[in-house]
Amino acid sequence: WRWLAASSPVLGARPLDLLGTTAGVAAVLDEL
């Protein structure tokens, strides 16, 4: 949960903020 809520330099945003789009979900899954 800390990782999901923290700003990610690699993703350019908080992972939670990216989950509203298919591309965002794919980016978060790739990073995981």
Full PDB file with SEQRES, HELIX, SHEET, SSBOND, CRYST1, ORIGX, SCALE, CONECT and MASTER records, all heavy atoms in Angstrom:
SEQRES   1 A   32  TRP ARG TRP LEU ALA ALA SER SER PRO VAL LEU GLY ALA          
SEQRES   2 A   32  ARG PRO LEU ASP LEU LEU GLY THR THR ALA GLY VAL ALA          
SEQRES   3 A   32  ALA VAL LEU ASP GLU LEU                                      
HELIX    1 AA1 ARG A    2  ALA A    5  1                                   4    
HELIX    2 AA2 PRO A   15  LEU A   18  5                                   4    
HELIX    3 AA3 THR A   22  GLU A   31  1                                  10    
CRYST1    1.000    1.000    1.000  90.00  90.00  90.00 P 1           1          
ORIGX1      1.000000  0.000000  0.000000        0.00000                         
ORIGX2      0.000000  1.000000  0.000000        0.00000                         
ORIGX3      0.000000  0.000000  1.000000        0.00000                         
SCALE1      1.000000  0.000000  0.000000        0.00000                         
SCALE2      0.000000  1.000000  0.000000        0.00000                         
SCALE3      0.000000  0.000000  1.000000        0.00000                         
ATOM      1  N   TRP A   1       0.823  -1.214   0.000  1.00  0.00           N  
ATOM      2  CA  TRP A   1       0.000   0.000   0.000  1.00  0.00           C  
ATOM      3  C   TRP A   1       0.854   1.261   0.000  1.00  0.00           C  
ATOM      4  O   TRP A   1       0.512   2.248  -0.655  1.00  0.00           O  
ATOM      5  CB  TRP A   1      -0.991  -0.004   1.159  1.00  0.00           C  
ATOM      6  CG  TRP A   1      -2.165  -0.877   0.848  1.00  0.00           C  
ATOM      7  CD1 TRP A   1      -2.444  -2.094   1.379  1.00  0.00           C  
ATOM      8  CD2 TRP A   1      -3.189  -0.631  -0.111  1.00  0.00           C  
ATOM      9  NE1 TRP A   1      -3.582  -2.612   0.809  1.00  0.00           N  
ATOM     10  CE2 TRP A   1      -4.058  -1.735  -0.104  1.00  0.00           C  
ATOM     11  CE3 TRP A   1      -3.458   0.428  -0.988  1.00  0.00           C  
ATOM     12  CZ2 TRP A   1      -5.179  -1.808  -0.929  1.00  0.00           C  
ATOM     13  CZ3 TRP A   1      -4.585   0.348  -1.808  1.00  0.00           C  
ATOM     14  CH2 TRP A   1      -5.424  -0.755  -1.774  1.00  0.00           C  
ATOM     15  N   ARG A   2       1.983   1.221   0.710  1.00  0.00           N  
ATOM     16  CA  ARG A   2       2.897   2.382   0.674  1.00  0.00           C  
ATOM     17  C   ARG A   2       3.399   2.611  -0.742  1.00  0.00           C  
ATOM     18  O   ARG A   2       3.454   3.745  -1.216  1.00  0.00           O  
ATOM     19  CB  ARG A   2       4.078   2.180   1.634  1.00  0.00           C  
ATOM     20  CG  ARG A   2       3.753   2.473   3.072  1.00  0.00           C  
ATOM     21  CD  ARG A   2       4.987   2.571   3.953  1.00  0.00           C  
ATOM     22  NE  ARG A   2       5.857   1.416   3.857  1.00  0.00           N  
ATOM     23  CZ  ARG A   2       5.746   0.312   4.606  1.00  0.00           C  
ATOM     24  NH1 ARG A   2       4.790   0.230   5.504  1.00  0.00           N  
ATOM     25  NH2 ARG A   2       6.591  -0.680   4.459  1.00  0.00           N  
ATOM     26  N   TRP A   3       3.762   1.541  -1.446  1.00  0.00           N  
ATOM     27  CA  TRP A   3       4.252   1.668  -2.817  1.00  0.00           C  
ATOM     28  C   TRP A   3       3.146   2.193  -3.739  1.00  0.00           C  
ATOM     29  O   TRP A   3       3.384   3.083  -4.558  1.00  0.00           O  
ATOM     30  CB  TRP A   3       4.790   0.328  -3.328  1.00  0.00           C  
ATOM     31  CG  TRP A   3       5.337   0.429  -4.710  1.00  0.00           C  
ATOM     32  CD1 TRP A   3       6.575   0.877  -5.067  1.00  0.00           C  
ATOM     33  CD2 TRP A   3       4.655   0.125  -5.933  1.00  0.00           C  
ATOM     34  NE1 TRP A   3       6.710   0.856  -6.433  1.00  0.00           N  
ATOM     35  CE2 TRP A   3       5.540   0.404  -6.989  1.00  0.00           C  
ATOM     36  CE3 TRP A   3       3.381  -0.362  -6.240  1.00  0.00           C  
ATOM     37  CZ2 TRP A   3       5.197   0.209  -8.330  1.00  0.00           C  
ATOM     38  CZ3 TRP A   3       3.048  -0.556  -7.570  1.00  0.00           C  
ATOM     39  CH2 TRP A   3       3.942  -0.266  -8.591  1.00  0.00           C  
ATOM     40  N   LEU A   4       1.962   1.644  -3.611  1.00  0.00           N  
ATOM     41  CA  LEU A   4       0.847   2.076  -4.465  1.00  0.00           C  
ATOM     42  C   LEU A   4       0.508   3.556  -4.252  1.00  0.00           C  
ATOM     43  O   LEU A   4       0.101   4.243  -5.188  1.00  0.00           O  
ATOM     44  CB  LEU A   4      -0.395   1.223  -4.186  1.00  0.00           C  
ATOM     45  CG  LEU A   4      -0.354  -0.204  -4.732  1.00  0.00           C  
ATOM     46  CD1 LEU A   4      -1.458  -1.039  -4.101  1.00  0.00           C  
ATOM     47  CD2 LEU A   4      -0.463  -0.203  -6.257  1.00  0.00           C  
ATOM     48  N   ALA A   5       0.682   4.053  -3.033  1.00  0.00           N  
ATOM     49  CA  ALA A   5       0.303   5.432  -2.705  1.00  0.00           C  
ATOM     50  C   ALA A   5       1.433   6.446  -2.879  1.00  0.00           C  
ATOM     51  O   ALA A   5       1.181   7.651  -2.846  1.00  0.00           O  
ATOM     52  CB  ALA A   5      -0.207   5.488  -1.267  1.00  0.00           C  
ATOM     53  N   ALA A   6       2.655   5.964  -3.082  1.00  0.00           N  
ATOM     54  CA  ALA A   6       3.806   6.873  -3.195  1.00  0.00           C  
ATOM     55  C   ALA A   6       4.069   7.256  -4.646  1.00  0.00           C  
ATOM     56  O   ALA A   6       3.813   6.472  -5.562  1.00  0.00           O  
ATOM     57  CB  ALA A   6       5.050   6.207  -2.615  1.00  0.00           C  
ATOM     58  N   SER A   7       4.588   8.441  -4.835  1.00  0.00           N  
ATOM     59  CA  SER A   7       4.969   8.882  -6.176  1.00  0.00           C  
ATOM     60  C   SER A   7       6.097   8.003  -6.696  1.00  0.00           C  
ATOM     61  O   SER A   7       7.054   7.724  -5.977  1.00  0.00           O  
ATOM     62  CB  SER A   7       5.413  10.338  -6.131  1.00  0.00           C  
ATOM     63  OG  SER A   7       5.753  10.775  -7.419  1.00  0.00           O  
ATOM     64  N   SER A   8       5.978   7.561  -7.930  1.00  0.00           N  
ATOM     65  CA  SER A   8       6.993   6.713  -8.551  1.00  0.00           C  
ATOM     66  C   SER A   8       7.717   7.491  -9.637  1.00  0.00           C  
ATOM     67  O   SER A   8       7.097   7.885 -10.630  1.00  0.00           O  
ATOM     68  CB  SER A   8       6.337   5.475  -9.164  1.00  0.00           C  
ATOM     69  OG  SER A   8       7.255   4.803  -9.999  1.00  0.00           O  
ATOM     70  N   PRO A   9       9.023   7.698  -9.489  1.00  0.00           N  
ATOM     71  CA  PRO A   9       9.770   8.406 -10.537  1.00  0.00           C  
ATOM     72  C   PRO A   9       9.723   7.659 -11.878  1.00  0.00           C  
ATOM     73  O   PRO A   9       9.698   8.275 -12.930  1.00  0.00           O  
ATOM     74  CB  PRO A   9      11.197   8.473 -10.006  1.00  0.00           C  
ATOM     75  CG  PRO A   9      11.141   8.098  -8.576  1.00  0.00           C  
ATOM     76  CD  PRO A   9       9.858   7.359  -8.346  1.00  0.00           C  
ATOM     77  N   VAL A  10       9.703   6.346 -11.816  1.00  0.00           N  
ATOM     78  CA  VAL A  10       9.672   5.552 -13.049  1.00  0.00           C  
ATOM     79  C   VAL A  10       8.333   5.716 -13.760  1.00  0.00           C  
ATOM     80  O   VAL A  10       8.276   5.869 -14.980  1.00  0.00           O  
ATOM     81  CB  VAL A  10       9.962   4.068 -12.745  1.00  0.00           C  
ATOM     82  CG1 VAL A  10       9.749   3.204 -13.976  1.00  0.00           C  
ATOM     83  CG2 VAL A  10      11.376   3.903 -12.217  1.00  0.00           C  
ATOM     84  N   LEU A  11       7.247   5.699 -12.995  1.00  0.00           N  
ATOM     85  CA  LEU A  11       5.914   5.809 -13.584  1.00  0.00           C  
ATOM     86  C   LEU A  11       5.494   7.262 -13.813  1.00  0.00           C  
ATOM     87  O   LEU A  11       4.574   7.528 -14.578  1.00  0.00           O  
ATOM     88  CB  LEU A  11       4.885   5.113 -12.688  1.00  0.00           C  
ATOM     89  CG  LEU A  11       5.060   3.600 -12.537  1.00  0.00           C  
ATOM     90  CD1 LEU A  11       4.122   3.068 -11.463  1.00  0.00           C  
ATOM     91  CD2 LEU A  11       4.817   2.901 -13.862  1.00  0.00           C  
ATOM     92  N   GLY A  12       6.139   8.174 -13.109  1.00  0.00           N  
ATOM     93  CA  GLY A  12       5.796   9.583 -13.247  1.00  0.00           C  
ATOM     94  C   GLY A  12       4.543   9.994 -12.505  1.00  0.00           C  
ATOM     95  O   GLY A  12       4.003  11.079 -12.724  1.00  0.00           O  
ATOM     96  N   ALA A  13       4.074   9.137 -11.617  1.00  0.00           N  
ATOM     97  CA  ALA A  13       2.862   9.402 -10.839  1.00  0.00           C  
ATOM     98  C   ALA A  13       2.757   8.343  -9.749  1.00  0.00           C  
ATOM     99  O   ALA A  13       3.558   7.410  -9.709  1.00  0.00           O  
ATOM    100  CB  ALA A  13       1.621   9.342 -11.730  1.00  0.00           C  
ATOM    101  N   ARG A  14       1.754   8.499  -8.894  1.00  0.00           N  
ATOM    102  CA  ARG A  14       1.470   7.444  -7.925  1.00  0.00           C  
ATOM    103  C   ARG A  14       0.819   6.283  -8.670  1.00  0.00           C  
ATOM    104  O   ARG A  14      -0.069   6.508  -9.504  1.00  0.00           O  
ATOM    105  CB  ARG A  14       0.497   7.930  -6.857  1.00  0.00           C  
ATOM    106  CG  ARG A  14       1.016   9.039  -5.998  1.00  0.00           C  
ATOM    107  CD  ARG A  14       0.025   9.501  -4.931  1.00  0.00           C  
ATOM    108  NE  ARG A  14      -1.371   9.299  -5.294  1.00  0.00           N  
ATOM    109  CZ  ARG A  14      -2.329   8.933  -4.427  1.00  0.00           C  
ATOM    110  NH1 ARG A  14      -2.042   8.755  -3.163  1.00  0.00           N  
ATOM    111  NH2 ARG A  14      -3.557   8.775  -4.827  1.00  0.00           N  
ATOM    112  N   PRO A  15       1.220   5.041  -8.418  1.00  0.00           N  
ATOM    113  CA  PRO A  15       0.574   3.914  -9.089  1.00  0.00           C  
ATOM    114  C   PRO A  15      -0.950   3.942  -8.972  1.00  0.00           C  
ATOM    115  O   PRO A  15      -1.650   3.674  -9.957  1.00  0.00           O  
ATOM    116  CB  PRO A  15       1.188   2.695  -8.393  1.00  0.00           C  
ATOM    117  CG  PRO A  15       2.564   3.162  -8.021  1.00  0.00           C  
ATOM    118  CD  PRO A  15       2.370   4.600  -7.609  1.00  0.00           C  
ATOM    119  N   LEU A  16      -1.469   4.309  -7.805  1.00  0.00           N  
ATOM    120  CA  LEU A  16      -2.924   4.370  -7.638  1.00  0.00           C  
ATOM    121  C   LEU A  16      -3.578   5.340  -8.621  1.00  0.00           C  
ATOM    122  O   LEU A  16      -4.698   5.106  -9.082  1.00  0.00           O  
ATOM    123  CB  LEU A  16      -3.286   4.785  -6.215  1.00  0.00           C  
ATOM    124  CG  LEU A  16      -3.136   3.715  -5.132  1.00  0.00           C  
ATOM    125  CD1 LEU A  16      -3.421   4.320  -3.764  1.00  0.00           C  
ATOM    126  CD2 LEU A  16      -4.033   2.528  -5.396  1.00  0.00           C  
ATOM    127  N   ASP A  17      -2.885   6.424  -8.956  1.00  0.00           N  
ATOM    128  CA  ASP A  17      -3.451   7.421  -9.864  1.00  0.00           C  
ATOM    129  C   ASP A  17      -3.491   6.942 -11.312  1.00  0.00           C  
ATOM    130  O   ASP A  17      -4.176   7.541 -12.137  1.00  0.00           O  
ATOM    131  CB  ASP A  17      -2.651   8.724  -9.787  1.00  0.00           C  
ATOM    132  CG  ASP A  17      -2.791   9.404  -8.433  1.00  0.00           C  
ATOM    133  OD1 ASP A  17      -3.796   9.141  -7.732  1.00  0.00           O  
ATOM    134  OD2 ASP A  17      -1.890  10.190  -8.078  1.00  0.00           O  
ATOM    135  N   LEU A  18      -2.761   5.888 -11.617  1.00  0.00           N  
ATOM    136  CA  LEU A  18      -2.689   5.391 -12.987  1.00  0.00           C  
ATOM    137  C   LEU A  18      -3.704   4.294 -13.290  1.00  0.00           C  
ATOM    138  O   LEU A  18      -3.830   3.867 -14.435  1.00  0.00           O  
ATOM    139  CB  LEU A  18      -1.278   4.865 -13.273  1.00  0.00           C  
ATOM    140  CG  LEU A  18      -0.168   5.899 -13.145  1.00  0.00           C  
ATOM    141  CD1 LEU A  18       1.186   5.230 -13.304  1.00  0.00           C  
ATOM    142  CD2 LEU A  18      -0.349   7.010 -14.155  1.00  0.00           C  
ATOM    143  N   LEU A  19      -4.427   3.842 -12.286  1.00  0.00           N  
ATOM    144  CA  LEU A  19      -5.283   2.683 -12.451  1.00  0.00           C  
ATOM    145  C   LEU A  19      -6.609   2.954 -13.152  1.00  0.00           C  
ATOM    146  O   LEU A  19      -7.385   2.036 -13.370  1.00  0.00           O  
ATOM    147  CB  LEU A  19      -5.535   2.018 -11.089  1.00  0.00           C  
ATOM    148  CG  LEU A  19      -4.265   1.535 -10.379  1.00  0.00           C  
ATOM    149  CD1 LEU A  19      -4.626   0.904  -9.044  1.00  0.00           C  
ATOM    150  CD2 LEU A  19      -3.476   0.579 -11.257  1.00  0.00           C  
ATOM    151  N   GLY A  20      -6.836   4.170 -13.573  1.00  0.00           N  
ATOM    152  CA  GLY A  20      -8.081   4.511 -14.254  1.00  0.00           C  
ATOM    153  C   GLY A  20      -8.064   4.272 -15.752  1.00  0.00           C  
ATOM    154  O   GLY A  20      -9.091   4.419 -16.410  1.00  0.00           O  
ATOM    155  N   THR A  21      -6.913   3.895 -16.295  1.00  0.00           N  
ATOM    156  CA  THR A  21      -6.823   3.635 -17.736  1.00  0.00           C  
ATOM    157  C   THR A  21      -6.142   2.295 -17.977  1.00  0.00           C  
ATOM    158  O   THR A  21      -5.368   1.806 -17.143  1.00  0.00           O  
ATOM    159  CB  THR A  21      -5.994   4.718 -18.466  1.00  0.00           C  
ATOM    160  OG1 THR A  21      -4.627   4.619 -18.038  1.00  0.00           O  
ATOM    161  CG2 THR A  21      -6.533   6.115 -18.202  1.00  0.00           C  
ATOM    162  N   THR A  22      -6.417   1.725 -19.114  1.00  0.00           N  
ATOM    163  CA  THR A  22      -5.791   0.456 -19.489  1.00  0.00           C  
ATOM    164  C   THR A  22      -4.278   0.610 -19.575  1.00  0.00           C  
ATOM    165  O   THR A  22      -3.526  -0.248 -19.099  1.00  0.00           O  
ATOM    166  CB  THR A  22      -6.355  -0.048 -20.834  1.00  0.00           C  
ATOM    167  OG1 THR A  22      -7.769  -0.197 -20.689  1.00  0.00           O  
ATOM    168  CG2 THR A  22      -5.752  -1.372 -21.236  1.00  0.00           C  
ATOM    169  N   ALA A  23      -3.828   1.709 -20.161  1.00  0.00           N  
ATOM    170  CA  ALA A  23      -2.385   1.948 -20.279  1.00  0.00           C  
ATOM    171  C   ALA A  23      -1.749   2.112 -18.910  1.00  0.00           C  
ATOM    172  O   ALA A  23      -0.631   1.625 -18.665  1.00  0.00           O  
ATOM    173  CB  ALA A  23      -2.123   3.178 -21.137  1.00  0.00           C  
ATOM    174  N   GLY A  24      -2.429   2.777 -17.994  1.00  0.00           N  
ATOM    175  CA  GLY A  24      -1.912   2.954 -16.644  1.00  0.00           C  
ATOM    176  C   GLY A  24      -1.812   1.641 -15.894  1.00  0.00           C  
ATOM    177  O   GLY A  24      -0.809   1.368 -15.230  1.00  0.00           O  
ATOM    178  N   VAL A  25      -2.827   0.821 -16.015  1.00  0.00           N  
ATOM    179  CA  VAL A  25      -2.806  -0.496 -15.379  1.00  0.00           C  
ATOM    180  C   VAL A  25      -1.640  -1.311 -15.925  1.00  0.00           C  
ATOM    181  O   VAL A  25      -0.899  -1.944 -15.173  1.00  0.00           O  
ATOM    182  CB  VAL A  25      -4.150  -1.233 -15.578  1.00  0.00           C  
ATOM    183  CG1 VAL A  25      -4.036  -2.697 -15.171  1.00  0.00           C  
ATOM    184  CG2 VAL A  25      -5.251  -0.542 -14.797  1.00  0.00           C  
ATOM    185  N   ALA A  26      -1.454  -1.280 -17.236  1.00  0.00           N  
ATOM    186  CA  ALA A  26      -0.350  -2.019 -17.850  1.00  0.00           C  
ATOM    187  C   ALA A  26       1.000  -1.525 -17.343  1.00  0.00           C  
ATOM    188  O   ALA A  26       1.897  -2.320 -17.065  1.00  0.00           O  
ATOM    189  CB  ALA A  26      -0.428  -1.902 -19.371  1.00  0.00           C  
ATOM    190  N   ALA A  27       1.151  -0.214 -17.202  1.00  0.00           N  
ATOM    191  CA  ALA A  27       2.408   0.348 -16.710  1.00  0.00           C  
ATOM    192  C   ALA A  27       2.681  -0.076 -15.267  1.00  0.00           C  
ATOM    193  O   ALA A  27       3.811  -0.421 -14.919  1.00  0.00           O  
ATOM    194  CB  ALA A  27       2.383   1.873 -16.822  1.00  0.00           C  
ATOM    195  N   VAL A  28       1.653  -0.056 -14.431  1.00  0.00           N  
ATOM    196  CA  VAL A  28       1.817  -0.452 -13.032  1.00  0.00           C  
ATOM    197  C   VAL A  28       2.145  -1.944 -12.942  1.00  0.00           C  
ATOM    198  O   VAL A  28       3.053  -2.345 -12.209  1.00  0.00           O  
ATOM    199  CB  VAL A  28       0.565  -0.103 -12.199  1.00  0.00           C  
ATOM    200  CG1 VAL A  28       0.648  -0.688 -10.798  1.00  0.00           C  
ATOM    201  CG2 VAL A  28       0.374   1.409 -12.149  1.00  0.00           C  
ATOM    202  N   LEU A  29       1.455  -2.766 -13.713  1.00  0.00           N  
ATOM    203  CA  LEU A  29       1.753  -4.199 -13.716  1.00  0.00           C  
ATOM    204  C   LEU A  29       3.170  -4.473 -14.206  1.00  0.00           C  
ATOM    205  O   LEU A  29       3.874  -5.324 -13.658  1.00  0.00           O  
ATOM    206  CB  LEU A  29       0.746  -4.957 -14.577  1.00  0.00           C  
ATOM    207  CG  LEU A  29      -0.644  -5.118 -13.977  1.00  0.00           C  
ATOM    208  CD1 LEU A  29      -1.597  -5.712 -15.003  1.00  0.00           C  
ATOM    209  CD2 LEU A  29      -0.594  -5.971 -12.714  1.00  0.00           C  
ATOM    210  N   ASP A  30       3.602  -3.740 -15.227  1.00  0.00           N  
ATOM    211  CA  ASP A  30       4.962  -3.894 -15.739  1.00  0.00           C  
ATOM    212  C   ASP A  30       5.980  -3.530 -14.661  1.00  0.00           C  
ATOM    213  O   ASP A  30       6.973  -4.235 -14.466  1.00  0.00           O  
ATOM    214  CB  ASP A  30       5.161  -3.038 -16.987  1.00  0.00           C  
ATOM    215  CG  ASP A  30       6.539  -3.228 -17.580  1.00  0.00           C  
ATOM    216  OD1 ASP A  30       6.884  -4.376 -17.930  1.00  0.00           O  
ATOM    217  OD2 ASP A  30       7.275  -2.229 -17.690  1.00  0.00           O  
ATOM    218  N   GLU A  31       5.735  -2.443 -13.958  1.00  0.00           N  
ATOM    219  CA  GLU A  31       6.649  -2.019 -12.904  1.00  0.00           C  
ATOM    220  C   GLU A  31       6.676  -3.033 -11.764  1.00  0.00           C  
ATOM    221  O   GLU A  31       7.743  -3.360 -11.237  1.00  0.00           O  
ATOM    222  CB  GLU A  31       6.282  -0.631 -12.383  1.00  0.00           C  
ATOM    223  CG  GLU A  31       7.227  -0.106 -11.343  1.00  0.00           C  
ATOM    224  CD  GLU A  31       8.653   0.105 -11.827  1.00  0.00           C  
ATOM    225  OE1 GLU A  31       8.926   0.005 -13.044  1.00  0.00           O  
ATOM    226  OE2 GLU A  31       9.519   0.353 -10.981  1.00  0.00           O  
ATOM    227  N   LEU A  32       5.529  -3.575 -11.392  1.00  0.00           N  
ATOM    228  CA  LEU A  32       5.498  -4.612 -10.362  1.00  0.00           C  
ATOM    229  C   LEU A  32       6.291  -5.836 -10.808  1.00  0.00           C  
ATOM    230  O   LEU A  32       7.018  -6.442 -10.012  1.00  0.00           O  
ATOM    231  CB  LEU A  32       4.056  -5.002 -10.029  1.00  0.00           C  
ATOM    232  CG  LEU A  32       3.314  -4.038  -9.121  1.00  0.00           C  
ATOM    233  CD1 LEU A  32       1.830  -4.391  -9.071  1.00  0.00           C  
ATOM    234  CD2 LEU A  32       3.908  -4.014  -7.725  1.00  0.00           C  
TER     235      LEU A  32                                                      
MASTER        0    0    0    3    0    0    0    6  234    1    0    3          
END                                                                             
